[in-house]
PDB file of N, CA and C in Angstrom:
ATOM      1  N   UNK A   1      -6.083  17.171 -28.888  1.00  0.00           N
ATOM      2  CA  UNK A   1      -5.338  17.607 -27.566  1.00  0.00           C
ATOM      3  C   UNK A   1      -5.378  18.022 -26.299  1.00  0.00           C
ATOM      4  N   UNK A   2      -6.921  18.527 -26.284  1.00  0.00           N
ATOM      5  CA  UNK A   2      -7.218  19.371 -24.584  1.00  0.00           C
ATOM      6  C   UNK A   2      -7.567  17.791 -23.536  1.00  0.00           C
ATOM      7  N   UNK A   3      -8.024  16.415 -24.331  1.00  0.00           N
ATOM      8  CA  UNK A   3      -7.874  15.450 -23.912  1.00  0.00           C
ATOM      9  C   UNK A   3      -6.669  15.165 -22.945  1.00  0.00           C
ATOM     10  N   UNK A   4      -5.653  15.355 -23.916  1.00  0.00           N
ATOM     11  CA  UNK A   4      -3.993  14.775 -23.115  1.00  0.00           C
ATOM     12  C   UNK A   4      -4.077  15.860 -21.800  1.00  0.00           C
ATOM     13  N   UNK A   5      -4.080  16.994 -22.480  1.00  0.00           N
ATOM     14  CA  UNK A   5      -3.952  18.302 -21.512  1.00  0.00           C
ATOM     15  C   UNK A   5      -4.975  17.614 -20.003  1.00  0.00           C
ATOM     16  N   UNK A   6      -6.270  17.118 -20.165  1.00  0.00           N
ATOM     17  CA  UNK A   6      -6.684  16.959 -18.982  1.00  0.00           C
ATOM     18  C   UNK A   6      -6.513  15.975 -18.241  1.00  0.00           C
ATOM     19  N   UNK A   7      -6.227  14.637 -18.694  1.00  0.00           N
ATOM     20  CA  UNK A   7      -5.156  13.646 -18.043  1.00  0.00           C
ATOM     21  C   UNK A   7      -3.708  13.802 -17.608  1.00  0.00           C
ATOM     22  N   UNK A   8      -3.341  14.753 -18.454  1.00  0.00           N
ATOM     23  CA  UNK A   8      -1.606  15.272 -17.659  1.00  0.00           C
ATOM     24  C   UNK A   8      -2.618  15.582 -15.818  1.00  0.00           C
ATOM     25  N   UNK A   9      -2.626  16.914 -16.868  1.00  0.00           N
ATOM     26  CA  UNK A   9      -3.800  17.472 -14.869  1.00  0.00           C
ATOM     27  C   UNK A   9      -4.258  17.189 -13.772  1.00  0.00           C
ATOM     28  N   UNK A  10      -4.735  15.588 -14.339  1.00  0.00           N
ATOM     29  CA  UNK A  10      -5.694  14.501 -12.852  1.00  0.00           C
ATOM     30  C   UNK A  10      -4.632  13.507 -12.637  1.00  0.00           C
ATOM     31  N   UNK A  11      -2.970  13.823 -13.271  1.00  0.00           N
ATOM     32  CA  UNK A  11      -2.532  12.879 -12.770  1.00  0.00           C
ATOM     33  C   UNK A  11      -1.812  13.276 -11.412  1.00  0.00           C
ATOM     34  N   UNK A  12      -2.319  12.331 -10.595  1.00  0.00           N
ATOM     35  CA  UNK A  12      -1.510  12.705  -9.208  1.00  0.00           C
ATOM     36  C   UNK A  12      -0.106  11.814  -8.787  1.00  0.00           C
ATOM     37  N   UNK A  13       0.522  12.730  -8.552  1.00  0.00           N
ATOM     38  CA  UNK A  13       2.099  12.307  -7.914  1.00  0.00           C
ATOM     39  C   UNK A  13       2.424  11.645  -6.987  1.00  0.00           C
ATOM     40  N   UNK A  14       3.247  11.161  -6.784  1.00  0.00           N
ATOM     41  CA  UNK A  14       3.701  10.633  -5.509  1.00  0.00           C
ATOM     42  C   UNK A  14       4.340  11.722  -4.526  1.00  0.00           C
ATOM     43  N   UNK A  15       3.948  12.203  -3.598  1.00  0.00           N
ATOM     44  CA  UNK A  15       5.040  12.970  -3.316  1.00  0.00           C
ATOM     45  C   UNK A  15       6.237  12.890  -2.381  1.00  0.00           C
ATOM     46  N   UNK A  16       7.073  13.664  -2.365  1.00  0.00           N
ATOM     47  CA  UNK A  16       8.866  13.336  -2.171  1.00  0.00           C
ATOM     48  C   UNK A  16       9.145  12.768  -0.721  1.00  0.00           C
ATOM     49  N   UNK A  17       7.997  13.010   0.044  1.00  0.00           N
ATOM     50  CA  UNK A  17       7.922  12.561   1.442  1.00  0.00           C
ATOM     51  C   UNK A  17       7.892  11.003   1.990  1.00  0.00           C
ATOM     52  N   UNK A  18       7.530  10.351   0.514  1.00  0.00           N
ATOM     53  CA  UNK A  18       6.678   8.556   0.667  1.00  0.00           C
ATOM     54  C   UNK A  18       8.459   8.023  -0.062  1.00  0.00           C
ATOM     55  N   UNK A  19       9.240   8.890  -0.602  1.00  0.00           N
ATOM     56  CA  UNK A  19      10.789   8.298  -1.134  1.00  0.00           C
ATOM     57  C   UNK A  19      10.959   7.209  -0.247  1.00  0.00           C
ATOM     58  N   UNK A  20      11.128   7.437   1.091  1.00  0.00           N
ATOM     59  CA  UNK A  20      11.529   6.619   2.639  1.00  0.00           C
ATOM     60  C   UNK A  20      11.310   5.035   2.332  1.00  0.00           C
ATOM     61  N   UNK A  21       9.304   5.152   2.697  1.00  0.00           N
ATOM     62  CA  UNK A  21       8.647   4.131   2.292  1.00  0.00           C
ATOM     63  C   UNK A  21       8.690   3.142   1.049  1.00  0.00           C
ATOM     64  N   UNK A  22       9.216   4.003  -0.019  1.00  0.00           N
ATOM     65  CA  UNK A  22       9.017   3.535  -1.614  1.00  0.00           C
ATOM     66  C   UNK A  22      10.815   3.163  -1.674  1.00  0.00           C
ATOM     67  N   UNK A  23      11.490   2.553  -1.407  1.00  0.00           N
ATOM     68  CA  UNK A  23      12.862   3.259  -1.109  1.00  0.00           C
ATOM     69  C   UNK A  23      13.553   2.067  -2.917  1.00  0.00           C
ATOM     70  N   UNK A  24      12.715   1.182  -3.248  1.00  0.00           N
ATOM     71  CA  UNK A  24      13.668   0.073  -4.380  1.00  0.00           C
ATOM     72  C   UNK A  24      13.248   0.649  -5.872  1.00  0.00           C
ATOM     73  N   UNK A  25      12.569   2.063  -5.530  1.00  0.00           N
ATOM     74  CA  UNK A  25      12.188   2.862  -6.804  1.00  0.00           C
ATOM     75  C   UNK A  25      12.399   4.093  -6.571  1.00  0.00           C
ATOM     76  N   UNK A  26      12.383   5.150  -7.836  1.00  0.00           N
ATOM     77  CA  UNK A  26      12.522   5.904  -7.483  1.00  0.00           C
ATOM     78  C   UNK A  26      11.133   6.959  -7.727  1.00  0.00           C
ATOM     79  N   UNK A  27      10.955   7.703  -6.902  1.00  0.00           N
ATOM     80  CA  UNK A  27       9.467   8.130  -6.698  1.00  0.00           C
ATOM     81  C   UNK A  27       8.838   8.515  -8.234  1.00  0.00           C
ATOM     82  N   UNK A  28       9.849   9.136  -8.676  1.00  0.00           N
ATOM     83  CA  UNK A  28       9.200  10.004  -9.846  1.00  0.00           C
ATOM     84  C   UNK A  28       8.812   9.121 -11.090  1.00  0.00           C
ATOM     85  N   UNK A  29       9.295   8.144 -11.066  1.00  0.00           N
ATOM     86  CA  UNK A  29       9.124   6.915 -11.867  1.00  0.00           C
ATOM     87  C   UNK A  29       7.251   6.157 -11.650  1.00  0.00           C
ATOM     88  N   UNK A  30       7.078   6.348 -10.579  1.00  0.00           N
ATOM     89  CA  UNK A  30       5.922   5.560 -10.319  1.00  0.00           C
ATOM     90  C   UNK A  30       4.293   6.397 -11.032  1.00  0.00           C
ATOM     91  N   UNK A  31       3.552   5.566 -11.096  1.00  0.00           N
ATOM     92  CA  UNK A  31       2.009   6.116 -10.896  1.00  0.00           C
ATOM     93  C   UNK A  31       1.179   5.004 -10.305  1.00  0.00           C
ATOM     94  N   UNK A  32       0.505   6.399  -9.686  1.00  0.00           N
ATOM     95  CA  UNK A  32      -0.556   5.797  -8.936  1.00  0.00           C
ATOM     96  C   UNK A  32      -1.440   4.744  -8.948  1.00  0.00           C
ATOM     97  N   UNK A  33      -1.484   4.897 -10.505  1.00  0.00           N
ATOM     98  CA  UNK A  33      -2.318   4.020 -10.353  1.00  0.00           C
ATOM     99  C   UNK A  33      -1.822   2.193 -11.013  1.00  0.00           C
ATOM    100  N   UNK A  34      -0.789   2.507 -12.031  1.00  0.00           N
ATOM    101  CA  UNK A  34      -0.053   1.447 -12.307  1.00  0.00           C
ATOM    102  C   UNK A  34       1.214   0.317 -11.024  1.00  0.00           C
ATOM    103  N   UNK A  35       1.335   1.463 -10.603  1.00  0.00           N
ATOM    104  CA  UNK A  35       2.017   1.233  -9.417  1.00  0.00           C
ATOM    105  C   UNK A  35       1.313   0.873  -8.275  1.00  0.00           C
ATOM    106  N   UNK A  36      -0.004   0.312  -8.053  1.00  0.00           N
ATOM    107  CA  UNK A  36      -1.409   0.554  -6.769  1.00  0.00           C
ATOM    108  C   UNK A  36      -0.552  -0.678  -5.969  1.00  0.00           C
ATOM    109  N   UNK A  37       0.073  -1.937  -6.515  1.00  0.00           N
ATOM    110  CA  UNK A  37       0.159  -3.054  -5.335  1.00  0.00           C
ATOM    111  C   UNK A  37       1.454  -2.664  -4.816  1.00  0.00           C
ATOM    112  N   UNK A  38       2.669  -2.449  -5.266  1.00  0.00           N
ATOM    113  CA  UNK A  38       3.809  -2.022  -4.592  1.00  0.00           C
ATOM    114  C   UNK A  38       3.432  -0.604  -4.071  1.00  0.00           C
ATOM    115  N   UNK A  39       2.928   0.367  -4.312  1.00  0.00           N
ATOM    116  CA  UNK A  39       2.448   1.870  -3.345  1.00  0.00           C
ATOM    117  C   UNK A  39       1.547   1.206  -2.148  1.00  0.00           C
ATOM    118  N   UNK A  40       0.297   0.621  -2.486  1.00  0.00           N
ATOM    119  CA  UNK A  40       0.050   0.008  -1.232  1.00  0.00           C
ATOM    120  C   UNK A  40       0.584  -0.796  -0.358  1.00  0.00           C
ATOM    121  N   UNK A  41       1.362  -1.921  -0.712  1.00  0.00           N
ATOM    122  CA  UNK A  41       1.734  -2.773   0.359  1.00  0.00           C
ATOM    123  C   UNK A  41       2.886  -2.054   1.009  1.00  0.00           C
ATOM    124  N   UNK A  42       3.697  -1.240  -0.057  1.00  0.00           N
ATOM    125  CA  UNK A  42       4.888  -1.026   1.085  1.00  0.00           C
ATOM    126  C   UNK A  42       4.262   0.285   2.083  1.00  0.00           C
ATOM    127  N   UNK A  43       4.055   0.958   1.779  1.00  0.00           N
ATOM    128  CA  UNK A  43       3.178   1.792   2.756  1.00  0.00           C
ATOM    129  C   UNK A  43       2.095   1.592   4.212  1.00  0.00           C
ATOM    130  N   UNK A  44       1.673   0.154   3.793  1.00  0.00           N
ATOM    131  CA  UNK A  44       1.167  -0.298   4.828  1.00  0.00           C
ATOM    132  C   UNK A  44       2.578  -1.296   5.506  1.00  0.00           C
ATOM    133  N   UNK A  45       2.938  -1.645   5.371  1.00  0.00           N
ATOM    134  CA  UNK A  45       4.114  -1.791   5.474  1.00  0.00           C
ATOM    135  C   UNK A  45       5.364  -1.458   6.006  1.00  0.00           C
ATOM    136  N   UNK A  46       5.386  -0.397   5.660  1.00  0.00           N
ATOM    137  CA  UNK A  46       6.405   0.494   6.424  1.00  0.00           C
ATOM    138  C   UNK A  46       6.445   1.796   6.340  1.00  0.00           C
ATOM    139  N   UNK A  47       5.070   2.594   6.430  1.00  0.00           N
ATOM    140  CA  UNK A  47       4.862   3.767   6.383  1.00  0.00           C
ATOM    141  C   UNK A  47       4.424   4.253   7.865  1.00  0.00           C
ATOM    142  N   UNK A  48       4.634   5.276   8.093  1.00  0.00           N
ATOM    143  CA  UNK A  48       4.264   6.312   8.926  1.00  0.00           C
ATOM    144  C   UNK A  48       2.442   6.426   9.181  1.00  0.00           C
ATOM    145  N   UNK A  49       2.577   7.646  10.191  1.00  0.00           N
ATOM    146  CA  UNK A  49       1.226   7.809  10.461  1.00  0.00           C
ATOM    147  C   UNK A  49       1.315   8.939   8.905  1.00  0.00           C
ATOM    148  N   UNK A  50       1.363  10.077   8.740  1.00  0.00           N
ATOM    149  CA  UNK A  50       1.605  10.803   7.601  1.00  0.00           C
ATOM    150  C   UNK A  50       1.022  10.111   6.314  1.00  0.00           C
ATOM    151  N   UNK A  51       2.067   9.159   5.750  1.00  0.00           N
ATOM    152  CA  UNK A  51       2.158   8.310   4.530  1.00  0.00           C
ATOM    153  C   UNK A  51       0.987   6.948   4.638  1.00  0.00           C
ATOM    154  N   UNK A  52       0.415   6.765   5.829  1.00  0.00           N
ATOM    155  CA  UNK A  52      -0.874   6.327   5.870  1.00  0.00           C
ATOM    156  C   UNK A  52      -2.104   7.247   5.991  1.00  0.00           C
ATOM    157  N   UNK A  53      -2.004   8.251   5.816  1.00  0.00           N
ATOM    158  CA  UNK A  53      -3.191   9.801   5.472  1.00  0.00           C
ATOM    159  C   UNK A  53      -3.295   9.379   4.159  1.00  0.00           C
ATOM    160  N   UNK A  54      -1.828   9.437   3.245  1.00  0.00           N
ATOM    161  CA  UNK A  54      -1.955  10.073   1.914  1.00  0.00           C
ATOM    162  C   UNK A  54      -2.252   8.143   1.277  1.00  0.00           C
ATOM    163  N   UNK A  55      -2.151   7.408   1.800  1.00  0.00           N
ATOM    164  CA  UNK A  55      -2.767   6.378   1.327  1.00  0.00           C
ATOM    165  C   UNK A  55      -4.294   6.233   0.970  1.00  0.00           C
ATOM    166  N   UNK A  56      -4.997   6.781   1.866  1.00  0.00           N
ATOM    167  CA  UNK A  56      -6.562   6.703   2.705  1.00  0.00           C
ATOM    168  C   UNK A  56      -7.014   8.057   1.696  1.00  0.00           C
ATOM    169  N   UNK A  57      -6.528   8.957   1.807  1.00  0.00           N
ATOM    170  CA  UNK A  57      -7.095  10.008   1.008  1.00  0.00           C
ATOM    171  C   UNK A  57      -6.590   9.464  -0.877  1.00  0.00           C
ATOM    172  N   UNK A  58      -5.975   8.859  -1.201  1.00  0.00           N
ATOM    173  CA  UNK A  58      -5.732   8.797  -2.600  1.00  0.00           C
ATOM    174  C   UNK A  58      -6.265   7.839  -2.980  1.00  0.00           C
ATOM    175  N   UNK A  59      -6.490   6.602  -2.405  1.00  0.00           N
ATOM    176  CA  UNK A  59      -7.213   5.660  -3.021  1.00  0.00           C
ATOM    177  C   UNK A  59      -8.565   5.301  -2.164  1.00  0.00           C
ATOM    178  N   UNK A  60      -9.556   4.767  -2.600  1.00  0.00           N
ATOM    179  CA  UNK A  60     -10.865   4.556  -1.584  1.00  0.00           C
ATOM    180  C   UNK A  60     -10.658   3.165  -0.737  1.00  0.00           C
ATOM    181  N   UNK A  61     -11.207   2.961  -0.222  1.00  0.00           N
ATOM    182  CA  UNK A  61     -10.875   2.120   0.867  1.00  0.00           C
ATOM    183  C   UNK A  61     -10.949   0.381   0.451  1.00  0.00           C
ATOM    184  N   UNK A  62     -12.110   0.608  -0.576  1.00  0.00           N
ATOM    185  CA  UNK A  62     -12.668  -0.545  -0.821  1.00  0.00           C
ATOM    186  C   UNK A  62     -11.584  -1.227  -1.831  1.00  0.00           C
ATOM    187  N   UNK A  63     -11.185   0.056  -2.644  1.00  0.00           N
ATOM    188  CA  UNK A  63      -9.903  -0.153  -3.783  1.00  0.00           C
ATOM    189  C   UNK A  63      -8.205  -0.890  -2.656  1.00  0.00           C
ATOM    190  N   UNK A  64      -7.944  -0.184  -1.234  1.00  0.00           N
ATOM    191  CA  UNK A  64      -7.070  -0.497  -0.670  1.00  0.00           C
ATOM    192  C   UNK A  64      -7.341  -1.696  -0.384  1.00  0.00           C
ATOM    193  N   UNK A  65      -8.558  -1.823   0.250  1.00  0.00           N
ATOM    194  CA  UNK A  65      -9.131  -3.603   0.574  1.00  0.00           C
ATOM    195  C   UNK A  65      -8.713  -5.147  -0.516  1.00  0.00           C
ATOM    196  N   UNK A  66      -9.203  -4.563  -1.511  1.00  0.00           N
ATOM    197  CA  UNK A  66      -8.854  -5.127  -3.007  1.00  0.00           C
ATOM    198  C   UNK A  66      -7.535  -5.901  -2.909  1.00  0.00           C
ATOM    199  N   UNK A  67      -6.708  -4.598  -2.682  1.00  0.00           N
ATOM    200  CA  UNK A  67      -5.365  -4.727  -3.343  1.00  0.00           C
ATOM    201  C   UNK A  67      -4.619  -5.688  -2.010  1.00  0.00           C
ATOM    202  N   UNK A  68      -4.856  -5.717  -0.862  1.00  0.00           N
ATOM    203  CA  UNK A  68      -4.735  -6.438   0.617  1.00  0.00           C
ATOM    204  C   UNK A  68      -4.823  -7.532   0.534  1.00  0.00           C
ATOM    205  N   UNK A  69      -6.160  -7.890  -0.196  1.00  0.00           N
ATOM    206  CA  UNK A  69      -6.472  -8.985  -0.078  1.00  0.00           C
ATOM    207  C   UNK A  69      -6.349  -9.687  -0.660  1.00  0.00           C
ATOM    208  N   UNK A  70      -6.054  -8.874  -2.437  1.00  0.00           N
ATOM    209  CA  UNK A  70      -6.033 -10.067  -3.927  1.00  0.00           C
ATOM    210  C   UNK A  70      -4.369  -9.940  -4.202  1.00  0.00           C
ATOM    211  N   UNK A  71      -3.410  -8.979  -3.537  1.00  0.00           N
ATOM    212  CA  UNK A  71      -2.026  -8.585  -3.778  1.00  0.00           C
ATOM    213  C   UNK A  71      -1.249  -8.757  -3.439  1.00  0.00           C
ATOM    214  N   UNK A  72      -1.673  -9.315  -2.113  1.00  0.00           N
ATOM    215  CA  UNK A  72      -0.644  -9.308  -0.992  1.00  0.00           C
ATOM    216  C   UNK A  72       0.933  -9.806  -1.170  1.00  0.00           C
ATOM    217  N   UNK A  73       1.879  -8.671  -0.229  1.00  0.00           N
ATOM    218  CA  UNK A  73       3.385  -9.476  -0.498  1.00  0.00           C
ATOM    219  C   UNK A  73       3.997  -9.418   0.695  1.00  0.00           C
ATOM    220  N   UNK A  74       4.956 -11.071   0.996  1.00  0.00           N
ATOM    221  CA  UNK A  74       5.122 -11.501   1.926  1.00  0.00           C
ATOM    222  C   UNK A  74       6.583 -10.619   2.356  1.00  0.00           C
ATOM    223  N   UNK A  75       5.715  -9.018   3.253  1.00  0.00           N
ATOM    224  CA  UNK A  75       6.673  -8.393   3.328  1.00  0.00           C
ATOM    225  C   UNK A  75       6.524  -7.644   5.170  1.00  0.00           C
ATOM    226  N   UNK A  76       5.478  -8.200   5.179  1.00  0.00           N
ATOM    227  CA  UNK A  76       5.138  -7.728   6.279  1.00  0.00           C
ATOM    228  C   UNK A  76       5.324  -8.473   7.466  1.00  0.00           C
ATOM    229  N   UNK A  77       5.712  -7.817   9.113  1.00  0.00           N
ATOM    230  CA  UNK A  77       6.249  -8.247  10.343  1.00  0.00           C
ATOM    231  C   UNK A  77       4.534  -8.490  10.799  1.00  0.00           C
ATOM    232  N   UNK A  78       4.438  -9.651  11.444  1.00  0.00           N
ATOM    233  CA  UNK A  78       3.005 -10.012  11.728  1.00  0.00           C
ATOM    234  C   UNK A  78       1.905  -9.380  12.933  1.00  0.00           C
ATOM    235  N   UNK A  79       2.697  -8.445  14.023  1.00  0.00           N
ATOM    236  CA  UNK A  79       1.923  -7.895  14.529  1.00  0.00           C
ATOM    237  C   UNK A  79       1.320  -6.673  13.675  1.00  0.00           C
ATOM    238  N   UNK A  80       2.652  -5.490  12.470  1.00  0.00           N
ATOM    239  CA  UNK A  80       1.797  -4.890  11.097  1.00  0.00           C
ATOM    240  C   UNK A  80       0.825  -5.472  10.115  1.00  0.00           C
ATOM    241  N   UNK A  81       0.959  -6.442   9.852  1.00  0.00           N
ATOM    242  CA  UNK A  81      -0.247  -7.517   9.039  1.00  0.00           C
ATOM    243  C   UNK A  81      -1.820  -7.402  10.079  1.00  0.00           C
ATOM    244  N   UNK A  82      -1.357  -7.877  11.267  1.00  0.00           N
ATOM    245  CA  UNK A  82      -2.809  -7.668  11.985  1.00  0.00           C
ATOM    246  C   UNK A  82      -3.301  -6.517  12.156  1.00  0.00           C
ATOM    247  N   UNK A  83      -2.688  -5.265  12.367  1.00  0.00           N
ATOM    248  CA  UNK A  83      -2.585  -3.898  12.297  1.00  0.00           C
ATOM    249  C   UNK A  83      -3.296  -3.655  11.190  1.00  0.00           C
ATOM    250  N   UNK A  84      -2.479  -3.473   9.732  1.00  0.00           N
ATOM    251  CA  UNK A  84      -3.201  -3.488   8.720  1.00  0.00           C
ATOM    252  C   UNK A  84      -4.722  -4.456   8.564  1.00  0.00           C
ATOM    253  N   UNK A  85      -4.687  -5.394   9.000  1.00  0.00           N
ATOM    254  CA  UNK A  85      -5.729  -6.287   8.751  1.00  0.00           C
ATOM    255  C   UNK A  85      -7.513  -6.129   9.399  1.00  0.00           C
ATOM    256  N   UNK A  86      -6.682  -6.027  10.395  1.00  0.00           N
ATOM    257  CA  UNK A  86      -8.100  -5.521  11.958  1.00  0.00           C
ATOM    258  C   UNK A  86      -8.095  -4.237  12.004  1.00  0.00           C
ATOM    259  N   UNK A  87      -7.131  -3.414  12.306  1.00  0.00           N
ATOM    260  CA  UNK A  87      -7.628  -1.808  12.357  1.00  0.00           C
ATOM    261  C   UNK A  87      -7.590  -0.507  11.442  1.00  0.00           C
ATOM    262  N   UNK A  88      -6.699  -1.000  10.113  1.00  0.00           N
ATOM    263  CA  UNK A  88      -6.549   0.080   9.534  1.00  0.00           C
ATOM    264  C   UNK A  88      -7.615  -0.349   8.164  1.00  0.00           C
ATOM    265  N   UNK A  89      -7.861  -1.176   7.812  1.00  0.00           N
ATOM    266  CA  UNK A  89      -8.838  -2.000   7.152  1.00  0.00           C
ATOM    267  C   UNK A  89      -9.974  -3.041   7.268  1.00  0.00           C
ATOM    268  N   UNK A  90     -10.387  -3.306   8.580  1.00  0.00           N
ATOM    269  CA  UNK A  90     -11.373  -3.583   9.700  1.00  0.00           C
ATOM    270  C   UNK A  90     -11.988  -4.857   8.686  1.00  0.00           C
ATOM    271  N   UNK A  91     -10.923  -6.028   8.506  1.00  0.00           N
ATOM    272  CA  UNK A  91     -10.892  -7.166   7.763  1.00  0.00           C
ATOM    273  C   UNK A  91     -11.083  -8.202   8.914  1.00  0.00           C
ATOM    274  N   UNK A  92     -12.490  -8.510   8.799  1.00  0.00           N
ATOM    275  CA  UNK A  92     -12.822 -10.122  10.233  1.00  0.00           C
ATOM    276  C   UNK A  92     -12.976 -11.089   9.982  1.00  0.00           C
ATOM    277  N   UNK A  93     -12.737 -11.303   8.063  1.00  0.00           N
ATOM    278  CA  UNK A  93     -12.844 -12.640   7.787  1.00  0.00           C
ATOM    279  C   UNK A  93     -11.113 -13.500   8.071  1.00  0.00           C
ATOM    280  N   UNK A  94     -10.630 -14.404   8.379  1.00  0.00           N
ATOM    281  CA  UNK A  94     -10.231 -15.057   8.467  1.00  0.00           C
ATOM    282  C   UNK A  94      -9.049 -15.548   6.942  1.00  0.00           C
ATOM    283  N   UNK A  95      -7.432 -15.368   7.049  1.00  0.00           N
ATOM    284  CA  UNK A  95      -7.625 -15.844   5.777  1.00  0.00           C
ATOM    285  C   UNK A  95      -5.593 -16.108   6.264  1.00  0.00           C
ATOM    286  N   UNK A  96      -5.052 -16.985   5.313  1.00  0.00           N
ATOM    287  CA  UNK A  96      -3.674 -17.388   6.276  1.00  0.00           C
ATOM    288  C   UNK A  96      -2.570 -16.305   5.887  1.00  0.00           C
ATOM    289  N   UNK A  97      -2.287 -15.683   7.064  1.00  0.00           N
ATOM    290  CA  UNK A  97      -1.259 -14.757   6.450  1.00  0.00           C
ATOM    291  C   UNK A  97       0.479 -15.310   6.641  1.00  0.00           C
ATOM    292  N   UNK A  98       0.817 -16.174   6.627  1.00  0.00           N
ATOM    293  CA  UNK A  98       1.813 -16.796   6.081  1.00  0.00           C
ATOM    294  C   UNK A  98       2.514 -15.875   4.148  1.00  0.00           C
ATOM    295  N   UNK A  99       1.385 -15.799   3.672  1.00  0.00           N
ATOM    296  CA  UNK A  99       1.040 -14.733   2.703  1.00  0.00           C
ATOM    297  C   UNK A  99       1.733 -13.445   2.425  1.00  0.00           C
ATOM    298  N   UNK A 100       1.511 -12.865   4.116  1.00  0.00           N
ATOM    299  CA  UNK A 100       1.723 -11.503   3.717  1.00  0.00           C
ATOM    300  C   UNK A 100       3.172 -11.545   4.675  1.00  0.00           C
ATOM    301  N   UNK A 101       3.084 -12.455   5.766  1.00  0.00           N
ATOM    302  CA  UNK A 101       4.463 -12.104   6.650  1.00  0.00           C
ATOM    303  C   UNK A 101       5.489 -12.623   6.369  1.00  0.00           C
ATOM    304  N   UNK A 102       6.419 -12.383   6.442  1.00  0.00           N
ATOM    305  CA  UNK A 102       7.859 -12.734   5.756  1.00  0.00           C
ATOM    306  C   UNK A 102       8.146 -13.315   6.954  1.00  0.00           C
ATOM    307  N   UNK A 103       9.251 -14.824   7.182  1.00  0.00           N
ATOM    308  CA  UNK A 103       9.335 -15.817   7.849  1.00  0.00           C
ATOM    309  C   UNK A 103      10.214 -15.347   8.746  1.00  0.00           C
ATOM    310  N   UNK A 104      11.049 -14.103   8.464  1.00  0.00           N
ATOM    311  CA  UNK A 104      11.766 -14.009   9.687  1.00  0.00           C
ATOM    312  C   UNK A 104      11.422 -12.558  10.762  1.00  0.00           C
ATOM    313  N   UNK A 105      10.293 -12.212  10.679  1.00  0.00           N
ATOM    314  CA  UNK A 105       9.922 -11.893  11.411  1.00  0.00           C
ATOM    315  C   UNK A 105       9.277 -12.774  12.144  1.00  0.00           C
ATOM    316  N   UNK A 106       8.636 -13.854  12.196  1.00  0.00           N
ATOM    317  CA  UNK A 106       7.835 -14.326  13.055  1.00  0.00           C
ATOM    318  C   UNK A 106       7.133 -16.035  12.394  1.00  0.00           C
ATOM    319  N   UNK A 107       6.840 -16.780  13.436  1.00  0.00           N
ATOM    320  CA  UNK A 107       6.295 -17.837  12.932  1.00  0.00           C
ATOM    321  C   UNK A 107       5.113 -18.376  13.560  1.00  0.00           C
ATOM    322  N   UNK A 108       4.465 -19.281  11.889  1.00  0.00           N
ATOM    323  CA  UNK A 108       3.133 -19.213  12.661  1.00  0.00           C
ATOM    324  C   UNK A 108       2.645 -20.740  12.550  1.00  0.00           C
ATOM    325  N   UNK A 109       2.844 -21.028  13.810  1.00  0.00           N
ATOM    326  CA  UNK A 109       2.321 -22.580  14.318  1.00  0.00           C
ATOM    327  C   UNK A 109       0.518 -23.096  13.484  1.00  0.00           C
TER     328      UNK A 109
END
C-alpha cells in the first residue's frame, strides 16, 4: 500500500494554464509520461513562453529531443519548426521538415 501512495504523490499533473495549448483533450485526462508525445509536440507548436518553460522543467532535454526527432507531428508552422529544432533544441543535423510542417503553412521545394 505504501508503494501506491508514493507513486500517486510523485505523479505530476498537467497544470490548468496549459489547457489552451492542449485543446483536443481535457488536461485532467492527461498523463505526463503516457501522453508525452502529444504534450511535447503541442506545446512546441503552439505554446507560449510560460508553457515552454514548464515543458523544459518537466522533461529532460534529451527526452524533448527524442520526442521531437522520433515522434514529430505534422502540426508545425515552418518558422516554428525551425525555432524548435535550431533554437530550443539546438539540433543541427539536417532532416526532412515535411514530417512536421503542415502543408497549409508553407511549402518546401
